Amino acid sequence: MDHGPAGSGRNGRAAHFKTRIGIWMFILYSIVYLGFILICTLNPALMASDIGGSNLAIVYGFGLIIFALMLAFVYNAICTAAEEEFNDPEDEADTEREK
């Protein structure tokens, strides 16, 4: 039951770019999350304040979840475009012909 090679290594050209984007998005999310933690620890009464029928803790918490999902979709779109740009099919065809 030979399944062939594990991977073609096609995404190698975009790997550095995708890593850099992922790190920047992680830092951005960490800063927003740090704001949540700082408000919770330094001013817990502020988290209990009423915002639109709910308290700030609930709104901020759901906002963090939605923000994480948005970052995931943006990351996917950026990385897909980068893979298509860095891994041009014409370049791969030229590489295959050289072999």
Protein backbone atom coordinates (compact mmCIF):
# COMPACT_ATOMS: atom_id res chain seq x y z
CA MET A 1 0.00 0.00 0.00
CA ASP A 2 2.31 2.69 -1.26
CA HIS A 3 0.65 6.08 -0.99
CA GLY A 4 3.45 7.98 -2.67
CA PRO A 5 5.48 10.81 -1.23
CA ALA A 6 4.23 12.66 1.84
CA GLY A 7 4.18 16.02 0.11
CA SER A 8 5.39 17.74 -2.96
CA GLY A 9 7.04 20.62 -1.12
CA ARG A 10 5.11 23.01 -3.33
CA ASN A 11 4.35 25.48 -0.55
CA GLY A 12 7.99 25.95 0.37
CA ARG A 13 8.39 29.20 -1.52
CA ALA A 14 5.58 30.91 0.41
CA ALA A 15 6.45 29.40 3.80
CA HIS A 16 8.56 32.34 5.01
CA PHE A 17 5.89 34.86 4.01
CA LYS A 18 3.10 32.82 5.65
CA THR A 19 5.12 32.46 8.85
CA ARG A 20 5.73 36.20 9.03
CA ILE A 21 2.03 36.98 8.48
CA GLY A 22 1.04 34.44 11.12
CA ILE A 23 3.41 35.93 13.68
CA TRP A 24 2.13 39.46 13.06
CA MET A 25 -1.48 38.30 13.41
CA PHE A 26 -0.60 36.45 16.62
CA ILE A 27 0.99 39.62 18.02
CA LEU A 28 -2.08 41.68 17.04
CA TYR A 29 -4.45 39.21 18.68
CA SER A 30 -2.25 39.03 21.78
CA ILE A 31 -2.41 42.81 22.17
CA VAL A 32 -6.21 42.80 21.94
CA TYR A 33 -6.39 39.88 24.38
CA LEU A 34 -3.96 41.64 26.73
CA GLY A 35 -6.41 44.56 26.84
CA PHE A 36 -9.12 42.15 28.00
CA ILE A 37 -6.86 40.69 30.70
CA LEU A 38 -5.70 44.11 31.90
CA ILE A 39 -9.25 45.40 32.22
CA CYS A 40 -10.22 42.24 34.13
CA THR A 41 -7.34 42.56 36.58
CA LEU A 42 -7.00 46.33 36.97
CA ASN A 43 -10.63 47.43 36.79
CA PRO A 44 -13.07 44.53 37.20
CA ALA A 45 -15.95 46.95 37.84
CA LEU A 46 -15.55 48.21 34.28
CA MET A 47 -16.17 44.67 32.99
CA ALA A 48 -19.50 44.70 34.81
CA SER A 49 -20.64 47.89 33.06
CA ASP A 50 -23.76 47.58 30.94
CA ILE A 51 -23.39 47.64 27.16
CA GLY A 52 -26.46 47.00 25.05
CA GLY A 53 -28.21 44.74 27.56
CA SER A 54 -25.07 42.77 28.39
CA ASN A 55 -21.91 43.51 30.31
CA LEU A 56 -18.56 44.48 28.83
CA ALA A 57 -17.00 41.11 29.71
CA ILE A 58 -19.50 39.25 27.51
CA VAL A 59 -19.28 41.75 24.65
CA TYR A 60 -15.46 41.84 24.75
CA GLY A 61 -15.27 38.04 25.02
CA PHE A 62 -17.52 37.49 22.00
CA GLY A 63 -15.58 40.22 20.23
CA LEU A 64 -12.36 38.26 20.83
CA ILE A 65 -13.90 35.14 19.34
CA ILE A 66 -15.22 37.00 16.29
CA PHE A 67 -11.87 38.78 15.87
CA ALA A 68 -10.03 35.44 15.96
CA LEU A 69 -12.33 34.05 13.26
CA MET A 70 -11.84 37.16 11.13
CA LEU A 71 -8.07 36.84 11.46
CA ALA A 72 -8.30 33.18 10.43
CA PHE A 73 -10.27 34.02 7.28
CA VAL A 74 -7.93 36.89 6.40
CA TYR A 75 -4.89 34.68 7.00
CA ASN A 76 -6.34 31.98 4.76
CA ALA A 77 -7.06 34.48 1.97
CA ILE A 78 -3.62 36.10 2.20
CA CYS A 79 -1.80 32.74 2.30
CA THR A 80 -3.80 31.31 -0.60
CA ALA A 81 -2.95 34.36 -2.71
CA ALA A 82 0.70 34.14 -1.67
CA GLU A 83 0.92 30.45 -2.57
CA GLU A 84 -0.58 31.16 -5.99
CA GLU A 85 1.85 34.03 -6.54
CA PHE A 86 4.99 32.28 -5.27
CA ASN A 87 4.13 28.92 -6.82
CA ASP A 88 3.38 30.01 -10.36
CA PRO A 89 2.38 26.93 -12.41
CA GLU A 90 4.50 28.12 -15.34
CA ASP A 91 7.59 28.18 -13.12
CA GLU A 92 6.86 24.63 -11.94
CA ALA A 93 6.39 23.46 -15.53
CA ASP A 94 9.79 24.96 -16.43
CA THR A 95 11.36 23.22 -13.44
CA GLU A 96 9.82 19.87 -14.45
CA ARG A 97 11.11 20.28 -18.03
CA GLU A 98 14.64 20.91 -16.73
CA LYS A 99 14.66 17.58 -14.88
